[in-house]
Amino acid sequence: MTVYSGTINQSKTSAVKIESTPIFGINLILVVLLLAGVVGYIFLSNFITSQKYSLGVLKKEFNQVSAAASIERDTTDYDIPELLEFAQSAGMIEAKDTGTVLEESGFALSEDRI
């Protein structure tokens, strides 16, 4: 409760009581929550956008590396007996009747890229 006092006409002292209502506090809390929600939304949407952008950059980089690797594969002459010896020593088996081959990173190569 707030009490104001003052003089009126220099002869009488009066006291005025002003009672504060809880509406102001409720409105203040709602405004703070609204501002926190807007700021949270902005940061969350920026985070999601940056994740999508970085994923797109990684996909583009992978496609460029994959294209460069396919060009190198076409121009490189492999030593088949050396590859066979390596595969046998590493315990690899021949993949028969498959449409795709999985590499170490989990990406599948189709028959036209193999």
C-alpha atoms as a PDB file:
ATOM      1  CA  MET A   1       0.000   0.000   0.000  1.00  0.00           C
ATOM      2  CA  THR A   2       1.366   3.420  -0.918  1.00  0.00           C
ATOM      3  CA  VAL A   3       0.540   6.554   1.022  1.00  0.00           C
ATOM      4  CA  TYR A   4       1.045  10.025  -0.398  1.00  0.00           C
ATOM      5  CA  SER A   5       0.748  13.087   1.752  1.00  0.00           C
ATOM      6  CA  GLY A   6       0.759  16.721   0.833  1.00  0.00           C
ATOM      7  CA  THR A   7      -0.746  20.078   1.652  1.00  0.00           C
ATOM      8  CA  ILE A   8      -3.815  21.534   0.046  1.00  0.00           C
ATOM      9  CA  ASN A   9      -4.295  25.299   0.278  1.00  0.00           C
ATOM     10  CA  GLN A  10      -1.450  25.494   2.770  1.00  0.00           C
ATOM     11  CA  SER A  11      -3.839  24.797   5.638  1.00  0.00           C
ATOM     12  CA  LYS A  12      -4.886  21.179   5.504  1.00  0.00           C
ATOM     13  CA  THR A  13      -2.730  18.071   5.254  1.00  0.00           C
ATOM     14  CA  SER A  14      -4.343  15.195   3.442  1.00  0.00           C
ATOM     15  CA  ALA A  15      -3.314  11.593   2.962  1.00  0.00           C
ATOM     16  CA  VAL A  16      -4.258   9.635  -0.124  1.00  0.00           C
ATOM     17  CA  LYS A  17      -4.096   5.853  -0.132  1.00  0.00           C
ATOM     18  CA  ILE A  18      -3.552   4.124  -3.461  1.00  0.00           C
ATOM     19  CA  GLU A  19      -3.944   0.383  -3.476  1.00  0.00           C
ATOM     20  CA  SER A  20      -2.060  -1.537  -6.148  1.00  0.00           C
ATOM     21  CA  THR A  21      -3.919  -4.358  -7.843  1.00  0.00           C
ATOM     22  CA  PRO A  22      -2.401  -7.711  -8.877  1.00  0.00           C
ATOM     23  CA  ILE A  23      -3.326  -6.987 -12.529  1.00  0.00           C
ATOM     24  CA  PHE A  24      -0.122  -5.006 -13.069  1.00  0.00           C
ATOM     25  CA  GLY A  25       2.013  -7.911 -11.789  1.00  0.00           C
ATOM     26  CA  ILE A  26       0.148 -10.419 -13.928  1.00  0.00           C
ATOM     27  CA  ASN A  27       0.538  -8.233 -17.021  1.00  0.00           C
ATOM     28  CA  LEU A  28       4.239  -7.774 -16.322  1.00  0.00           C
ATOM     29  CA  ILE A  29       4.732 -11.540 -16.013  1.00  0.00           C
ATOM     30  CA  LEU A  30       2.811 -12.121 -19.261  1.00  0.00           C
ATOM     31  CA  VAL A  31       4.926  -9.552 -21.123  1.00  0.00           C
ATOM     32  CA  VAL A  32       8.146 -11.126 -19.806  1.00  0.00           C
ATOM     33  CA  LEU A  33       6.936 -14.606 -20.855  1.00  0.00           C
ATOM     34  CA  LEU A  34       5.980 -13.297 -24.287  1.00  0.00           C
ATOM     35  CA  LEU A  35       9.395 -11.711 -24.775  1.00  0.00           C
ATOM     36  CA  ALA A  36      11.148 -14.900 -23.603  1.00  0.00           C
ATOM     37  CA  GLY A  37       9.042 -16.933 -26.055  1.00  0.00           C
ATOM     38  CA  VAL A  38       9.855 -14.627 -28.972  1.00  0.00           C
ATOM     39  CA  VAL A  39      13.578 -14.673 -28.184  1.00  0.00           C
ATOM     40  CA  GLY A  40      13.497 -18.465 -27.788  1.00  0.00           C
ATOM     41  CA  TYR A  41      11.672 -18.843 -31.096  1.00  0.00           C
ATOM     42  CA  ILE A  42      14.236 -16.669 -32.881  1.00  0.00           C
ATOM     43  CA  PHE A  43      17.196 -18.613 -31.512  1.00  0.00           C
ATOM     44  CA  LEU A  44      15.574 -21.997 -32.158  1.00  0.00           C
ATOM     45  CA  SER A  45      14.621 -21.133 -35.745  1.00  0.00           C
ATOM     46  CA  ASN A  46      18.145 -19.814 -36.413  1.00  0.00           C
ATOM     47  CA  PHE A  47      19.637 -23.015 -34.972  1.00  0.00           C
ATOM     48  CA  ILE A  48      17.426 -25.242 -37.129  1.00  0.00           C
ATOM     49  CA  THR A  49      18.189 -23.179 -40.230  1.00  0.00           C
ATOM     50  CA  SER A  50      21.926 -23.363 -39.587  1.00  0.00           C
ATOM     51  CA  GLN A  51      21.719 -27.146 -39.142  1.00  0.00           C
ATOM     52  CA  LYS A  52      19.879 -27.513 -42.454  1.00  0.00           C
ATOM     53  CA  TYR A  53      22.413 -25.245 -44.142  1.00  0.00           C
ATOM     54  CA  SER A  54      25.393 -27.194 -42.791  1.00  0.00           C
ATOM     55  CA  LEU A  55      23.756 -30.470 -43.841  1.00  0.00           C
ATOM     56  CA  GLY A  56      23.236 -29.067 -47.337  1.00  0.00           C
ATOM     57  CA  VAL A  57      26.875 -27.988 -47.489  1.00  0.00           C
ATOM     58  CA  LEU A  58      28.008 -31.457 -46.393  1.00  0.00           C
ATOM     59  CA  LYS A  59      25.799 -33.106 -49.034  1.00  0.00           C
ATOM     60  CA  LYS A  60      27.187 -30.808 -51.725  1.00  0.00           C
ATOM     61  CA  GLU A  61      30.747 -31.546 -50.591  1.00  0.00           C
ATOM     62  CA  PHE A  62      30.026 -35.294 -50.581  1.00  0.00           C
ATOM     63  CA  ASN A  63      28.603 -35.107 -54.099  1.00  0.00           C
ATOM     64  CA  GLN A  64      31.689 -33.247 -55.324  1.00  0.00           C
ATOM     65  CA  VAL A  65      34.033 -35.772 -53.698  1.00  0.00           C
ATOM     66  CA  SER A  66      31.958 -38.646 -55.032  1.00  0.00           C
ATOM     67  CA  ALA A  67      32.034 -37.210 -58.545  1.00  0.00           C
ATOM     68  CA  ALA A  68      35.792 -36.674 -58.324  1.00  0.00           C
ATOM     69  CA  ALA A  69      36.256 -40.222 -57.025  1.00  0.00           C
ATOM     70  CA  SER A  70      34.241 -41.678 -59.901  1.00  0.00           C
ATOM     71  CA  ILE A  71      36.382 -39.767 -62.404  1.00  0.00           C
ATOM     72  CA  GLU A  72      39.533 -41.042 -60.696  1.00  0.00           C
ATOM     73  CA  ARG A  73      38.163 -44.604 -60.720  1.00  0.00           C
ATOM     74  CA  ASP A  74      37.583 -44.398 -64.439  1.00  0.00           C
ATOM     75  CA  THR A  75      41.140 -43.219 -65.120  1.00  0.00           C
ATOM     76  CA  THR A  76      42.947 -45.369 -62.553  1.00  0.00           C
ATOM     77  CA  ASP A  77      44.294 -48.762 -63.582  1.00  0.00           C
ATOM     78  CA  TYR A  78      43.825 -51.158 -60.660  1.00  0.00           C
ATOM     79  CA  ASP A  79      46.229 -53.936 -59.859  1.00  0.00           C
ATOM     80  CA  ILE A  80      43.691 -56.791 -59.624  1.00  0.00           C
ATOM     81  CA  PRO A  81      46.007 -59.433 -58.135  1.00  0.00           C
ATOM     82  CA  GLU A  82      47.091 -56.986 -55.417  1.00  0.00           C
ATOM     83  CA  LEU A  83      43.462 -56.148 -54.641  1.00  0.00           C
ATOM     84  CA  LEU A  84      42.582 -59.856 -54.473  1.00  0.00           C
ATOM     85  CA  GLU A  85      45.457 -60.496 -52.080  1.00  0.00           C
ATOM     86  CA  PHE A  86      44.377 -57.589 -49.865  1.00  0.00           C
ATOM     87  CA  ALA A  87      40.748 -58.760 -49.836  1.00  0.00           C
ATOM     88  CA  GLN A  88      41.722 -62.299 -48.884  1.00  0.00           C
ATOM     89  CA  SER A  89      44.055 -61.105 -46.115  1.00  0.00           C
ATOM     90  CA  ALA A  90      41.337 -58.800 -44.740  1.00  0.00           C
ATOM     91  CA  GLY A  91      38.754 -61.609 -44.691  1.00  0.00           C
ATOM     92  CA  MET A  92      36.541 -60.025 -47.322  1.00  0.00           C
ATOM     93  CA  ILE A  93      34.112 -62.080 -49.360  1.00  0.00           C
ATOM     94  CA  GLU A  94      32.797 -61.507 -52.858  1.00  0.00           C
ATOM     95  CA  ALA A  95      29.408 -59.835 -53.091  1.00  0.00           C
ATOM     96  CA  LYS A  96      27.238 -61.687 -55.596  1.00  0.00           C
ATOM     97  CA  ASP A  97      23.874 -60.665 -57.057  1.00  0.00           C
ATOM     98  CA  THR A  98      23.729 -57.332 -55.253  1.00  0.00           C
ATOM     99  CA  GLY A  99      22.434 -54.066 -56.559  1.00  0.00           C
ATOM    100  CA  THR A 100      24.413 -51.911 -54.150  1.00  0.00           C
ATOM    101  CA  VAL A 101      27.606 -52.119 -52.152  1.00  0.00           C
ATOM    102  CA  LEU A 102      27.929 -50.392 -48.773  1.00  0.00           C
ATOM    103  CA  GLU A 103      31.112 -48.511 -48.070  1.00  0.00           C
ATOM    104  CA  GLU A 104      32.697 -47.813 -44.662  1.00  0.00           C
ATOM    105  CA  SER A 105      30.812 -44.533 -44.210  1.00  0.00           C
ATOM    106  CA  GLY A 106      27.438 -46.245 -44.720  1.00  0.00           C
ATOM    107  CA  PHE A 107      26.748 -44.818 -48.185  1.00  0.00           C
ATOM    108  CA  ALA A 108      25.464 -47.166 -50.850  1.00  0.00           C
ATOM    109  CA  LEU A 109      26.905 -47.196 -54.346  1.00  0.00           C
ATOM    110  CA  SER A 110      24.632 -48.420 -57.103  1.00  0.00           C
ATOM    111  CA  GLU A 111      25.834 -50.686 -59.907  1.00  0.00           C
ATOM    112  CA  ASP A 112      26.271 -47.832 -62.343  1.00  0.00           C
ATOM    113  CA  ARG A 113      28.714 -46.113 -59.917  1.00  0.00           C
ATOM    114  CA  ILE A 114      30.706 -49.271 -59.011  1.00  0.00           C
END
